[in-house]
Amino acid sequence: MKTLPKERRYETLSYLPPLTDSQIEKQLNYCLQMGYIPAVEFNEDSDPKTYYWTLWKLPLFGASSTRAVLDEVQACRSEYGNCFIRVVGFDNVKQCQAMSFIVHKPGSGNNSGYRY
């Protein structure tokens, strides 16, 4: 069993190896299938004490495909490449955030895809 390198952990999925682009799409597909409303957020700092991230545009209320969400992630990443970017899924029935995961870390050097 391989141990992950020592680095700061951000959210639940950060304890796994970095997500591939297809795995990110699967997470987004799950978010949409569950009826969650996806939103893209960014912040310069990912300190766990920082509860409020800046929302990139309004939540994607009418999103019906993963491509629409990934396009917004890419647009946010092109403008705020020096920030952490995460996707969150809001449950409109329970009125809470149901899921979130980081899709971009600053300085990752990966300019081709969505993952970090």
PDB file of N, CA and C in Angstrom:
ATOM      1  N   MET A   1       0.843  -1.173   0.000  1.00  0.00           N
ATOM      2  CA  MET A   1       0.000   0.000   0.000  1.00  0.00           C
ATOM      3  C   MET A   1       0.889   1.236   0.000  1.00  0.00           C
ATOM      4  N   LYS A   2       0.600   2.147  -0.892  1.00  0.00           N
ATOM      5  CA  LYS A   2       1.390   3.363  -1.030  1.00  0.00           C
ATOM      6  C   LYS A   2       0.817   4.467  -0.153  1.00  0.00           C
ATOM      7  N   THR A   3       1.694   5.165   0.535  1.00  0.00           N
ATOM      8  CA  THR A   3       1.276   6.284   1.373  1.00  0.00           C
ATOM      9  C   THR A   3       1.321   7.557   0.544  1.00  0.00           C
ATOM     10  N   LEU A   4       0.333   8.413   0.722  1.00  0.00           N
ATOM     11  CA  LEU A   4       0.311   9.682   0.003  1.00  0.00           C
ATOM     12  C   LEU A   4       1.385  10.606   0.569  1.00  0.00           C
ATOM     13  N   PRO A   5       1.948  11.493  -0.262  1.00  0.00           N
ATOM     14  CA  PRO A   5       2.960  12.421   0.240  1.00  0.00           C
ATOM     15  C   PRO A   5       2.376  13.360   1.291  1.00  0.00           C
ATOM     16  N   LYS A   6       3.240  13.848   2.159  1.00  0.00           N
ATOM     17  CA  LYS A   6       2.799  14.746   3.226  1.00  0.00           C
ATOM     18  C   LYS A   6       2.433  16.099   2.636  1.00  0.00           C
ATOM     19  N   GLU A   7       1.197  16.454   2.748  1.00  0.00           N
ATOM     20  CA  GLU A   7       0.723  17.756   2.290  1.00  0.00           C
ATOM     21  C   GLU A   7      -0.570  18.076   3.017  1.00  0.00           C
ATOM     22  N   ARG A   8      -0.973  19.319   2.925  1.00  0.00           N
ATOM     23  CA  ARG A   8      -2.200  19.754   3.594  1.00  0.00           C
ATOM     24  C   ARG A   8      -3.418  19.096   2.957  1.00  0.00           C
ATOM     25  N   ARG A   9      -4.335  18.648   3.781  1.00  0.00           N
ATOM     26  CA  ARG A   9      -5.578  18.042   3.307  1.00  0.00           C
ATOM     27  C   ARG A   9      -6.687  19.083   3.395  1.00  0.00           C
ATOM     28  N   TYR A  10      -7.563  19.076   2.406  1.00  0.00           N
ATOM     29  CA  TYR A  10      -8.559  20.134   2.292  1.00  0.00           C
ATOM     30  C   TYR A  10      -9.971  19.640   2.570  1.00  0.00           C
ATOM     31  N   GLU A  11     -10.376  18.573   1.941  1.00  0.00           N
ATOM     32  CA  GLU A  11     -11.721  18.065   2.104  1.00  0.00           C
ATOM     33  C   GLU A  11     -11.653  16.546   2.067  1.00  0.00           C
ATOM     34  N   THR A  12     -12.773  15.894   2.177  1.00  0.00           N
ATOM     35  CA  THR A  12     -12.802  14.437   2.273  1.00  0.00           C
ATOM     36  C   THR A  12     -12.073  13.767   1.115  1.00  0.00           C
ATOM     37  N   LEU A  13     -12.328  14.205  -0.104  1.00  0.00           N
ATOM     38  CA  LEU A  13     -11.720  13.554  -1.261  1.00  0.00           C
ATOM     39  C   LEU A  13     -10.224  13.831  -1.376  1.00  0.00           C
ATOM     40  N   SER A  14      -9.675  14.761  -0.616  1.00  0.00           N
ATOM     41  CA  SER A  14      -8.245  15.049  -0.712  1.00  0.00           C
ATOM     42  C   SER A  14      -7.400  13.968  -0.064  1.00  0.00           C
ATOM     43  N   TYR A  15      -8.027  13.046   0.654  1.00  0.00           N
ATOM     44  CA  TYR A  15      -7.291  11.929   1.221  1.00  0.00           C
ATOM     45  C   TYR A  15      -7.098  10.813   0.202  1.00  0.00           C
ATOM     46  N   LEU A  16      -7.726  10.934  -0.939  1.00  0.00           N
ATOM     47  CA  LEU A  16      -7.549   9.993  -2.037  1.00  0.00           C
ATOM     48  C   LEU A  16      -6.531  10.559  -3.011  1.00  0.00           C
ATOM     49  N   PRO A  17      -6.006   9.735  -3.909  1.00  0.00           N
ATOM     50  CA  PRO A  17      -5.153  10.300  -4.968  1.00  0.00           C
ATOM     51  C   PRO A  17      -5.950  11.329  -5.770  1.00  0.00           C
ATOM     52  N   PRO A  18      -5.276  12.260  -6.448  1.00  0.00           N
ATOM     53  CA  PRO A  18      -6.004  13.297  -7.208  1.00  0.00           C
ATOM     54  C   PRO A  18      -7.000  12.684  -8.184  1.00  0.00           C
ATOM     55  N   LEU A  19      -8.166  13.318  -8.274  1.00  0.00           N
ATOM     56  CA  LEU A  19      -9.204  12.837  -9.173  1.00  0.00           C
ATOM     57  C   LEU A  19      -8.809  13.085 -10.619  1.00  0.00           C
ATOM     58  N   THR A  20      -9.108  12.133 -11.481  1.00  0.00           N
ATOM     59  CA  THR A  20      -8.902  12.338 -12.912  1.00  0.00           C
ATOM     60  C   THR A  20     -10.077  13.160 -13.441  1.00  0.00           C
ATOM     61  N   ASP A  21      -9.964  13.620 -14.660  1.00  0.00           N
ATOM     62  CA  ASP A  21     -11.050  14.398 -15.251  1.00  0.00           C
ATOM     63  C   ASP A  21     -12.337  13.580 -15.339  1.00  0.00           C
ATOM     64  N   SER A  22     -12.217  12.296 -15.667  1.00  0.00           N
ATOM     65  CA  SER A  22     -13.425  11.464 -15.761  1.00  0.00           C
ATOM     66  C   SER A  22     -14.040  11.239 -14.384  1.00  0.00           C
ATOM     67  N   GLN A  23     -13.224  11.150 -13.331  1.00  0.00           N
ATOM     68  CA  GLN A  23     -13.756  10.999 -11.981  1.00  0.00           C
ATOM     69  C   GLN A  23     -14.466  12.272 -11.523  1.00  0.00           C
ATOM     70  N   ILE A  24     -13.937  13.424 -11.913  1.00  0.00           N
ATOM     71  CA  ILE A  24     -14.610  14.688 -11.599  1.00  0.00           C
ATOM     72  C   ILE A  24     -15.963  14.732 -12.301  1.00  0.00           C
ATOM     73  N   GLU A  25     -15.991  14.293 -13.550  1.00  0.00           N
ATOM     74  CA  GLU A  25     -17.266  14.263 -14.276  1.00  0.00           C
ATOM     75  C   GLU A  25     -18.262  13.319 -13.607  1.00  0.00           C
ATOM     76  N   LYS A  26     -17.782  12.192 -13.089  1.00  0.00           N
ATOM     77  CA  LYS A  26     -18.671  11.255 -12.399  1.00  0.00           C
ATOM     78  C   LYS A  26     -19.223  11.867 -11.116  1.00  0.00           C
ATOM     79  N   GLN A  27     -18.401  12.614 -10.389  1.00  0.00           N
ATOM     80  CA  GLN A  27     -18.877  13.278  -9.181  1.00  0.00           C
ATOM     81  C   GLN A  27     -19.939  14.322  -9.532  1.00  0.00           C
ATOM     82  N   LEU A  28     -19.694  15.064 -10.600  1.00  0.00           N
ATOM     83  CA  LEU A  28     -20.674  16.067 -11.034  1.00  0.00           C
ATOM     84  C   LEU A  28     -21.959  15.406 -11.523  1.00  0.00           C
ATOM     85  N   ASN A  29     -21.827  14.287 -12.207  1.00  0.00           N
ATOM     86  CA  ASN A  29     -22.996  13.557 -12.666  1.00  0.00           C
ATOM     87  C   ASN A  29     -23.825  13.077 -11.474  1.00  0.00           C
ATOM     88  N   TYR A  30     -23.167  12.584 -10.434  1.00  0.00           N
ATOM     89  CA  TYR A  30     -23.865  12.173  -9.214  1.00  0.00           C
ATOM     90  C   TYR A  30     -24.598  13.362  -8.589  1.00  0.00           C
ATOM     91  N   CYS A  31     -23.922  14.503  -8.558  1.00  0.00           N
ATOM     92  CA  CYS A  31     -24.510  15.721  -8.003  1.00  0.00           C
ATOM     93  C   CYS A  31     -25.799  16.076  -8.750  1.00  0.00           C
ATOM     94  N   LEU A  32     -25.756  16.014 -10.066  1.00  0.00           N
ATOM     95  CA  LEU A  32     -26.934  16.354 -10.859  1.00  0.00           C
ATOM     96  C   LEU A  32     -28.026  15.302 -10.733  1.00  0.00           C
ATOM     97  N   GLN A  33     -27.650  14.026 -10.666  1.00  0.00           N
ATOM     98  CA  GLN A  33     -28.647  12.963 -10.528  1.00  0.00           C
ATOM     99  C   GLN A  33     -29.380  13.044  -9.191  1.00  0.00           C
ATOM    100  N   MET A  34     -28.684  13.469  -8.145  1.00  0.00           N
ATOM    101  CA  MET A  34     -29.307  13.593  -6.832  1.00  0.00           C
ATOM    102  C   MET A  34     -30.192  14.838  -6.727  1.00  0.00           C
ATOM    103  N   GLY A  35     -30.149  15.687  -7.750  1.00  0.00           N
ATOM    104  CA  GLY A  35     -30.955  16.896  -7.735  1.00  0.00           C
ATOM    105  C   GLY A  35     -30.294  18.062  -7.024  1.00  0.00           C
ATOM    106  N   TYR A  36     -29.001  17.935  -6.722  1.00  0.00           N
ATOM    107  CA  TYR A  36     -28.278  19.023  -6.075  1.00  0.00           C
ATOM    108  C   TYR A  36     -28.019  20.132  -7.087  1.00  0.00           C
ATOM    109  N   ILE A  37     -27.927  21.340  -6.593  1.00  0.00           N
ATOM    110  CA  ILE A  37     -27.656  22.493  -7.448  1.00  0.00           C
ATOM    111  C   ILE A  37     -26.163  22.786  -7.362  1.00  0.00           C
ATOM    112  N   PRO A  38     -25.425  22.623  -8.465  1.00  0.00           N
ATOM    113  CA  PRO A  38     -23.983  22.855  -8.422  1.00  0.00           C
ATOM    114  C   PRO A  38     -23.643  24.343  -8.440  1.00  0.00           C
ATOM    115  N   ALA A  39     -22.525  24.661  -7.797  1.00  0.00           N
ATOM    116  CA  ALA A  39     -21.999  26.023  -7.799  1.00  0.00           C
ATOM    117  C   ALA A  39     -20.480  25.926  -7.770  1.00  0.00           C
ATOM    118  N   VAL A  40     -19.832  26.927  -8.326  1.00  0.00           N
ATOM    119  CA  VAL A  40     -18.375  26.985  -8.354  1.00  0.00           C
ATOM    120  C   VAL A  40     -17.943  28.101  -7.421  1.00  0.00           C
ATOM    121  N   GLU A  41     -17.003  27.805  -6.528  1.00  0.00           N
ATOM    122  CA  GLU A  41     -16.480  28.784  -5.573  1.00  0.00           C
ATOM    123  C   GLU A  41     -14.962  28.830  -5.682  1.00  0.00           C
ATOM    124  N   PHE A  42     -14.390  29.978  -5.305  1.00  0.00           N
ATOM    125  CA  PHE A  42     -12.936  30.103  -5.302  1.00  0.00           C
ATOM    126  C   PHE A  42     -12.496  30.908  -4.095  1.00  0.00           C
ATOM    127  N   ASN A  43     -11.242  30.690  -3.696  1.00  0.00           N
ATOM    128  CA  ASN A  43     -10.672  31.405  -2.562  1.00  0.00           C
ATOM    129  C   ASN A  43      -9.159  31.306  -2.640  1.00  0.00           C
ATOM    130  N   GLU A  44      -8.467  32.357  -2.200  1.00  0.00           N
ATOM    131  CA  GLU A  44      -7.006  32.331  -2.215  1.00  0.00           C
ATOM    132  C   GLU A  44      -6.445  31.431  -1.136  1.00  0.00           C
ATOM    133  N   ASP A  45      -7.177  31.263  -0.052  1.00  0.00           N
ATOM    134  CA  ASP A  45      -6.718  30.474   1.079  1.00  0.00           C
ATOM    135  C   ASP A  45      -7.670  29.312   1.288  1.00  0.00           C
ATOM    136  N   SER A  46      -7.133  28.165   1.620  1.00  0.00           N
ATOM    137  CA  SER A  46      -8.013  27.014   1.873  1.00  0.00           C
ATOM    138  C   SER A  46      -7.958  26.582   3.326  1.00  0.00           C
ATOM    139  N   ASP A  47      -7.672  27.542   4.196  1.00  0.00           N
ATOM    140  CA  ASP A  47      -7.617  27.244   5.625  1.00  0.00           C
ATOM    141  C   ASP A  47      -8.969  26.708   6.085  1.00  0.00           C
ATOM    142  N   PRO A  48      -8.972  25.622   6.872  1.00  0.00           N
ATOM    143  CA  PRO A  48     -10.260  25.068   7.326  1.00  0.00           C
ATOM    144  C   PRO A  48     -11.112  26.060   8.113  1.00  0.00           C
ATOM    145  N   LYS A  49     -10.506  27.096   8.669  1.00  0.00           N
ATOM    146  CA  LYS A  49     -11.274  28.093   9.416  1.00  0.00           C
ATOM    147  C   LYS A  49     -11.987  29.080   8.494  1.00  0.00           C
ATOM    148  N   THR A  50     -11.639  29.056   7.201  1.00  0.00           N
ATOM    149  CA  THR A  50     -12.280  29.927   6.225  1.00  0.00           C
ATOM    150  C   THR A  50     -13.545  29.246   5.735  1.00  0.00           C
ATOM    151  N   TYR A  51     -14.680  29.672   6.268  1.00  0.00           N
ATOM    152  CA  TYR A  51     -15.946  29.040   5.929  1.00  0.00           C
ATOM    153  C   TYR A  51     -16.557  29.619   4.661  1.00  0.00           C
ATOM    154  N   TYR A  52     -16.272  30.869   4.368  1.00  0.00           N
ATOM    155  CA  TYR A  52     -16.936  31.549   3.260  1.00  0.00           C
ATOM    156  C   TYR A  52     -15.984  31.704   2.090  1.00  0.00           C
ATOM    157  N   TRP A  53     -16.313  31.092   0.993  1.00  0.00           N
ATOM    158  CA  TRP A  53     -15.568  31.230  -0.244  1.00  0.00           C
ATOM    159  C   TRP A  53     -16.363  32.162  -1.158  1.00  0.00           C
ATOM    160  N   THR A  54     -15.686  32.750  -2.140  1.00  0.00           N
ATOM    161  CA  THR A  54     -16.354  33.640  -3.089  1.00  0.00           C
ATOM    162  C   THR A  54     -17.049  32.802  -4.152  1.00  0.00           C
ATOM    163  N   LEU A  55     -18.297  33.114  -4.404  1.00  0.00           N
ATOM    164  CA  LEU A  55     -19.088  32.373  -5.380  1.00  0.00           C
ATOM    165  C   LEU A  55     -18.773  32.895  -6.775  1.00  0.00           C
ATOM    166  N   TRP A  56     -18.452  31.978  -7.685  1.00  0.00           N
ATOM    167  CA  TRP A  56     -18.231  32.338  -9.084  1.00  0.00           C
ATOM    168  C   TRP A  56     -19.598  32.323  -9.758  1.00  0.00           C
ATOM    169  N   LYS A  57     -20.094  33.474 -10.107  1.00  0.00           N
ATOM    170  CA  LYS A  57     -21.431  33.631 -10.684  1.00  0.00           C
ATOM    171  C   LYS A  57     -22.490  33.075  -9.731  1.00  0.00           C
ATOM    172  N   LEU A  58     -23.705  32.957 -10.201  1.00  0.00           N
ATOM    173  CA  LEU A  58     -24.776  32.376  -9.399  1.00  0.00           C
ATOM    174  C   LEU A  58     -24.708  30.856  -9.489  1.00  0.00           C
ATOM    175  N   PRO A  59     -25.310  30.147  -8.526  1.00  0.00           N
ATOM    176  CA  PRO A  59     -25.363  28.691  -8.666  1.00  0.00           C
ATOM    177  C   PRO A  59     -26.028  28.312  -9.988  1.00  0.00           C
ATOM    178  N   LEU A  60     -25.659  27.160 -10.507  1.00  0.00           N
ATOM    179  CA  LEU A  60     -26.134  26.724 -11.820  1.00  0.00           C
ATOM    180  C   LEU A  60     -27.481  26.004 -11.669  1.00  0.00           C
ATOM    181  N   PHE A  61     -28.529  26.775 -11.453  1.00  0.00           N
ATOM    182  CA  PHE A  61     -29.857  26.228 -11.201  1.00  0.00           C
ATOM    183  C   PHE A  61     -30.362  25.382 -12.355  1.00  0.00           C
ATOM    184  N   GLY A  62     -30.083  25.782 -13.565  1.00  0.00           N
ATOM    185  CA  GLY A  62     -30.601  25.062 -14.726  1.00  0.00           C
ATOM    186  C   GLY A  62     -29.636  24.074 -15.330  1.00  0.00           C
ATOM    187  N   ALA A  63     -28.564  23.741 -14.643  1.00  0.00           N
ATOM    188  CA  ALA A  63     -27.571  22.824 -15.208  1.00  0.00           C
ATOM    189  C   ALA A  63     -28.166  21.433 -15.364  1.00  0.00           C
ATOM    190  N   SER A  64     -28.049  20.901 -16.564  1.00  0.00           N
ATOM    191  CA  SER A  64     -28.564  19.556 -16.804  1.00  0.00           C
ATOM    192  C   SER A  64     -27.469  18.608 -17.280  1.00  0.00           C
ATOM    193  N   SER A  65     -26.269  19.151 -17.520  1.00  0.00           N
ATOM    194  CA  SER A  65     -25.161  18.302 -17.968  1.00  0.00           C
ATOM    195  C   SER A  65     -23.883  18.693 -17.231  1.00  0.00           C
ATOM    196  N   THR A  66     -22.989  17.740 -17.163  1.00  0.00           N
ATOM    197  CA  THR A  66     -21.702  18.007 -16.513  1.00  0.00           C
ATOM    198  C   THR A  66     -20.885  19.011 -17.316  1.00  0.00           C
ATOM    199  N   ARG A  67     -21.109  19.056 -18.620  1.00  0.00           N
ATOM    200  CA  ARG A  67     -20.346  19.969 -19.477  1.00  0.00           C
ATOM    201  C   ARG A  67     -20.579  21.414 -19.073  1.00  0.00           C
ATOM    202  N   ALA A  68     -21.796  21.784 -18.715  1.00  0.00           N
ATOM    203  CA  ALA A  68     -22.102  23.156 -18.311  1.00  0.00           C
ATOM    204  C   ALA A  68     -21.330  23.530 -17.044  1.00  0.00           C
ATOM    205  N   VAL A  69     -21.250  22.598 -16.103  1.00  0.00           N
ATOM    206  CA  VAL A  69     -20.522  22.863 -14.859  1.00  0.00           C
ATOM    207  C   VAL A  69     -19.027  22.939 -15.129  1.00  0.00           C
ATOM    208  N   LEU A  70     -18.506  22.018 -15.943  1.00  0.00           N
ATOM    209  CA  LEU A  70     -17.075  22.017 -16.255  1.00  0.00           C
ATOM    210  C   LEU A  70     -16.665  23.260 -17.029  1.00  0.00           C
ATOM    211  N   ASP A  71     -17.546  23.776 -17.876  1.00  0.00           N
ATOM    212  CA  ASP A  71     -17.248  25.028 -18.589  1.00  0.00           C
ATOM    213  C   ASP A  71     -17.110  26.190 -17.611  1.00  0.00           C
ATOM    214  N   GLU A  72     -17.965  26.225 -16.589  1.00  0.00           N
ATOM    215  CA  GLU A  72     -17.861  27.283 -15.576  1.00  0.00           C
ATOM    216  C   GLU A  72     -16.596  27.120 -14.734  1.00  0.00           C
ATOM    217  N   VAL A  73     -16.221  25.886 -14.433  1.00  0.00           N
ATOM    218  CA  VAL A  73     -14.964  25.641 -13.706  1.00  0.00           C
ATOM    219  C   VAL A  73     -13.792  26.157 -14.523  1.00  0.00           C
ATOM    220  N   GLN A  74     -13.794  25.858 -15.817  1.00  0.00           N
ATOM    221  CA  GLN A  74     -12.702  26.300 -16.685  1.00  0.00           C
ATOM    222  C   GLN A  74     -12.663  27.821 -16.794  1.00  0.00           C
ATOM    223  N   ALA A  75     -13.816  28.468 -16.880  1.00  0.00           N
ATOM    224  CA  ALA A  75     -13.862  29.929 -16.949  1.00  0.00           C
ATOM    225  C   ALA A  75     -13.324  30.545 -15.655  1.00  0.00           C
ATOM    226  N   CYS A  76     -13.708  29.987 -14.531  1.00  0.00           N
ATOM    227  CA  CYS A  76     -13.215  30.475 -13.237  1.00  0.00           C
ATOM    228  C   CYS A  76     -11.709  30.257 -13.130  1.00  0.00           C
ATOM    229  N   ARG A  77     -11.273  29.107 -13.585  1.00  0.00           N
ATOM    230  CA  ARG A  77      -9.840  28.772 -13.514  1.00  0.00           C
ATOM    231  C   ARG A  77      -8.995  29.688 -14.394  1.00  0.00           C
ATOM    232  N   SER A  78      -9.518  30.073 -15.549  1.00  0.00           N
ATOM    233  CA  SER A  78      -8.755  30.959 -16.431  1.00  0.00           C
ATOM    234  C   SER A  78      -8.626  32.361 -15.843  1.00  0.00           C
ATOM    235  N   GLU A  79      -9.630  32.783 -15.065  1.00  0.00           N
ATOM    236  CA  GLU A  79      -9.567  34.114 -14.465  1.00  0.00           C
ATOM    237  C   GLU A  79      -8.890  34.121 -13.095  1.00  0.00           C
ATOM    238  N   TYR A  80      -9.068  33.069 -12.330  1.00  0.00           N
ATOM    239  CA  TYR A  80      -8.500  32.988 -10.983  1.00  0.00           C
ATOM    240  C   TYR A  80      -7.638  31.737 -10.837  1.00  0.00           C
ATOM    241  N   GLY A  81      -6.637  31.615 -11.677  1.00  0.00           N
ATOM    242  CA  GLY A  81      -5.743  30.464 -11.650  1.00  0.00           C
ATOM    243  C   GLY A  81      -4.880  30.386 -10.404  1.00  0.00           C
ATOM    244  N   ASN A  82      -4.777  31.512  -9.678  1.00  0.00           N
ATOM    245  CA  ASN A  82      -3.956  31.544  -8.463  1.00  0.00           C
ATOM    246  C   ASN A  82      -4.763  31.207  -7.214  1.00  0.00           C
ATOM    247  N   CYS A  83      -5.990  30.740  -7.376  1.00  0.00           N
ATOM    248  CA  CYS A  83      -6.871  30.438  -6.244  1.00  0.00           C
ATOM    249  C   CYS A  83      -7.261  28.961  -6.230  1.00  0.00           C
ATOM    250  N   PHE A  84      -7.703  28.511  -5.073  1.00  0.00           N
ATOM    251  CA  PHE A  84      -8.310  27.194  -4.957  1.00  0.00           C
ATOM    252  C   PHE A  84      -9.721  27.296  -5.519  1.00  0.00           C
ATOM    253  N   ILE A  85     -10.131  26.297  -6.275  1.00  0.00           N
ATOM    254  CA  ILE A  85     -11.469  26.284  -6.866  1.00  0.00           C
ATOM    255  C   ILE A  85     -12.150  24.986  -6.459  1.00  0.00           C
ATOM    256  N   ARG A  86     -13.384  25.104  -5.993  1.00  0.00           N
ATOM    257  CA  ARG A  86     -14.125  23.905  -5.615  1.00  0.00           C
ATOM    258  C   ARG A  86     -15.529  23.955  -6.193  1.00  0.00           C
ATOM    259  N   VAL A  87     -16.109  22.789  -6.326  1.00  0.00           N
ATOM    260  CA  VAL A  87     -17.494  22.651  -6.760  1.00  0.00           C
ATOM    261  C   VAL A  87     -18.292  22.187  -5.549  1.00  0.00           C
ATOM    262  N   VAL A  88     -19.405  22.832  -5.311  1.00  0.00           N
ATOM    263  CA  VAL A  88     -20.284  22.444  -4.209  1.00  0.00           C
ATOM    264  C   VAL A  88     -21.655  22.085  -4.779  1.00  0.00           C
ATOM    265  N   GLY A  89     -22.331  21.187  -4.089  1.00  0.00           N
ATOM    266  CA  GLY A  89     -23.682  20.802  -4.471  1.00  0.00           C
ATOM    267  C   GLY A  89     -24.634  21.136  -3.335  1.00  0.00           C
ATOM    268  N   PHE A  90     -25.617  21.976  -3.612  1.00  0.00           N
ATOM    269  CA  PHE A  90     -26.600  22.380  -2.603  1.00  0.00           C
ATOM    270  C   PHE A  90     -27.853  21.527  -2.722  1.00  0.00           C
ATOM    271  N   ASP A  91     -28.335  21.061  -1.597  1.00  0.00           N
ATOM    272  CA  ASP A  91     -29.586  20.321  -1.547  1.00  0.00           C
ATOM    273  C   ASP A  91     -30.695  21.324  -1.244  1.00  0.00           C
ATOM    274  N   ASN A  92     -31.570  21.567  -2.222  1.00  0.00           N
ATOM    275  CA  ASN A  92     -32.606  22.585  -2.029  1.00  0.00           C
ATOM    276  C   ASN A  92     -33.744  22.108  -1.135  1.00  0.00           C
ATOM    277  N   VAL A  93     -33.822  20.809  -0.839  1.00  0.00           N
ATOM    278  CA  VAL A  93     -34.853  20.304   0.060  1.00  0.00           C
ATOM    279  C   VAL A  93     -34.420  20.480   1.516  1.00  0.00           C
ATOM    280  N   LYS A  94     -33.201  20.050   1.806  1.00  0.00           N
ATOM    281  CA  LYS A  94     -32.681  20.155   3.169  1.00  0.00           C
ATOM    282  C   LYS A  94     -32.073  21.527   3.458  1.00  0.00           C
ATOM    283  N   GLN A  95     -31.922  22.347   2.425  1.00  0.00           N
ATOM    284  CA  GLN A  95     -31.372  23.701   2.543  1.00  0.00           C
ATOM    285  C   GLN A  95     -29.958  23.683   3.135  1.00  0.00           C
ATOM    286  N   CYS A  96     -29.104  22.836   2.558  1.00  0.00           N
ATOM    287  CA  CYS A  96     -27.727  22.764   3.040  1.00  0.00           C
ATOM    288  C   CYS A  96     -26.802  22.343   1.905  1.00  0.00           C
ATOM    289  N   GLN A  97     -25.527  22.461   2.172  1.00  0.00           N
ATOM    290  CA  GLN A  97     -24.510  22.006   1.233  1.00  0.00           C
ATOM    291  C   GLN A  97     -24.359  20.502   1.404  1.00  0.00           C
ATOM    292  N   ALA A  98     -24.592  19.743   0.354  1.00  0.00           N
ATOM    293  CA  ALA A  98     -24.562  18.288   0.448  1.00  0.00           C
ATOM    294  C   ALA A  98     -23.211  17.700   0.084  1.00  0.00           C
ATOM    295  N   MET A  99     -22.458  18.362  -0.786  1.00  0.00           N
ATOM    296  CA  MET A  99     -21.158  17.849  -1.187  1.00  0.00           C
ATOM    297  C   MET A  99     -20.284  18.996  -1.662  1.00  0.00           C
ATOM    298  N   SER A 100     -18.984  18.808  -1.558  1.00  0.00           N
ATOM    299  CA  SER A 100     -18.038  19.768  -2.112  1.00  0.00           C
ATOM    300  C   SER A 100     -16.699  19.081  -2.299  1.00  0.00           C
ATOM    301  N   PHE A 101     -15.986  19.503  -3.316  1.00  0.00           N
ATOM    302  CA  PHE A 101     -14.650  18.968  -3.552  1.00  0.00           C
ATOM    303  C   PHE A 101     -13.847  19.968  -4.378  1.00  0.00           C
ATOM    304  N   ILE A 102     -12.553  19.973  -4.146  1.00  0.00           N
ATOM    305  CA  ILE A 102     -11.650  20.899  -4.823  1.00  0.00           C
ATOM    306  C   ILE A 102     -11.299  20.341  -6.192  1.00  0.00           C
ATOM    307  N   VAL A 103     -11.392  21.194  -7.212  1.00  0.00           N
ATOM    308  CA  VAL A 103     -11.060  20.781  -8.568  1.00  0.00           C
ATOM    309  C   VAL A 103      -9.805  21.464  -9.098  1.00  0.00           C
ATOM    310  N   HIS A 104      -9.284  22.455  -8.356  1.00  0.00           N
ATOM    311  CA  HIS A 104      -8.059  23.136  -8.787  1.00  0.00           C
ATOM    312  C   HIS A 104      -7.303  23.660  -7.579  1.00  0.00           C
ATOM    313  N   LYS A 105      -6.002  23.390  -7.564  1.00  0.00           N
ATOM    314  CA  LYS A 105      -5.112  23.963  -6.556  1.00  0.00           C
ATOM    315  C   LYS A 105      -4.145  24.901  -7.266  1.00  0.00           C
ATOM    316  N   PRO A 106      -3.853  26.079  -6.697  1.00  0.00           N
ATOM    317  CA  PRO A 106      -2.926  26.994  -7.362  1.00  0.00           C
ATOM    318  C   PRO A 106      -1.517  26.407  -7.398  1.00  0.00           C
ATOM    319  N   GLY A 107      -0.815  26.704  -8.474  1.00  0.00           N
ATOM    320  CA  GLY A 107       0.553  26.236  -8.607  1.00  0.00           C
ATOM    321  C   GLY A 107       0.677  24.766  -8.910  1.00  0.00           C
ATOM    322  N   SER A 108      -0.413  24.146  -9.364  1.00  0.00           N
ATOM    323  CA  SER A 108      -0.350  22.715  -9.639  1.00  0.00           C
ATOM    324  C   SER A 108       0.345  22.427 -10.952  1.00  0.00           C
ATOM    325  N   GLY A 109       0.422  23.416 -11.825  1.00  0.00           N
ATOM    326  CA  GLY A 109       1.125  23.230 -13.086  1.00  0.00           C
ATOM    327  C   GLY A 109       0.344  22.450 -14.120  1.00  0.00           C
ATOM    328  N   ASN A 110      -0.862  22.055 -13.833  1.00  0.00           N
ATOM    329  CA  ASN A 110      -1.689  21.311 -14.777  1.00  0.00           C
ATOM    330  C   ASN A 110      -2.613  22.298 -15.480  1.00  0.00           C
ATOM    331  N   ASN A 111      -2.232  22.690 -16.699  1.00  0.00           N
ATOM    332  CA  ASN A 111      -3.009  23.701 -17.415  1.00  0.00           C
ATOM    333  C   ASN A 111      -3.931  23.090 -18.451  1.00  0.00           C
ATOM    334  N   SER A 112      -3.910  21.773 -18.603  1.00  0.00           N
ATOM    335  CA  SER A 112      -4.687  21.173 -19.677  1.00  0.00           C
ATOM    336  C   SER A 112      -6.080  20.756 -19.231  1.00  0.00           C
ATOM    337  N   GLY A 113      -6.241  20.273 -18.006  1.00  0.00           N
ATOM    338  CA  GLY A 113      -7.523  19.729 -17.581  1.00  0.00           C
ATOM    339  C   GLY A 113      -8.126  20.526 -16.448  1.00  0.00           C
ATOM    340  N   TYR A 114      -9.087  19.917 -15.782  1.00  0.00           N
ATOM    341  CA  TYR A 114      -9.800  20.589 -14.692  1.00  0.00           C
ATOM    342  C   TYR A 114      -9.227  20.230 -13.330  1.00  0.00           C
ATOM    343  N   ARG A 115      -8.579  19.096 -13.232  1.00  0.00           N
ATOM    344  CA  ARG A 115      -8.127  18.621 -11.930  1.00  0.00           C
ATOM    345  C   ARG A 115      -6.868  19.331 -11.477  1.00  0.00           C
ATOM    346  N   TYR A 116      -6.489  19.075 -10.238  1.00  0.00           N
ATOM    347  CA  TYR A 116      -5.302  19.698  -9.677  1.00  0.00           C
ATOM    348  C   TYR A 116      -4.093  18.838  -9.849  1.00  0.00           C
TER     349      TYR A 116
END
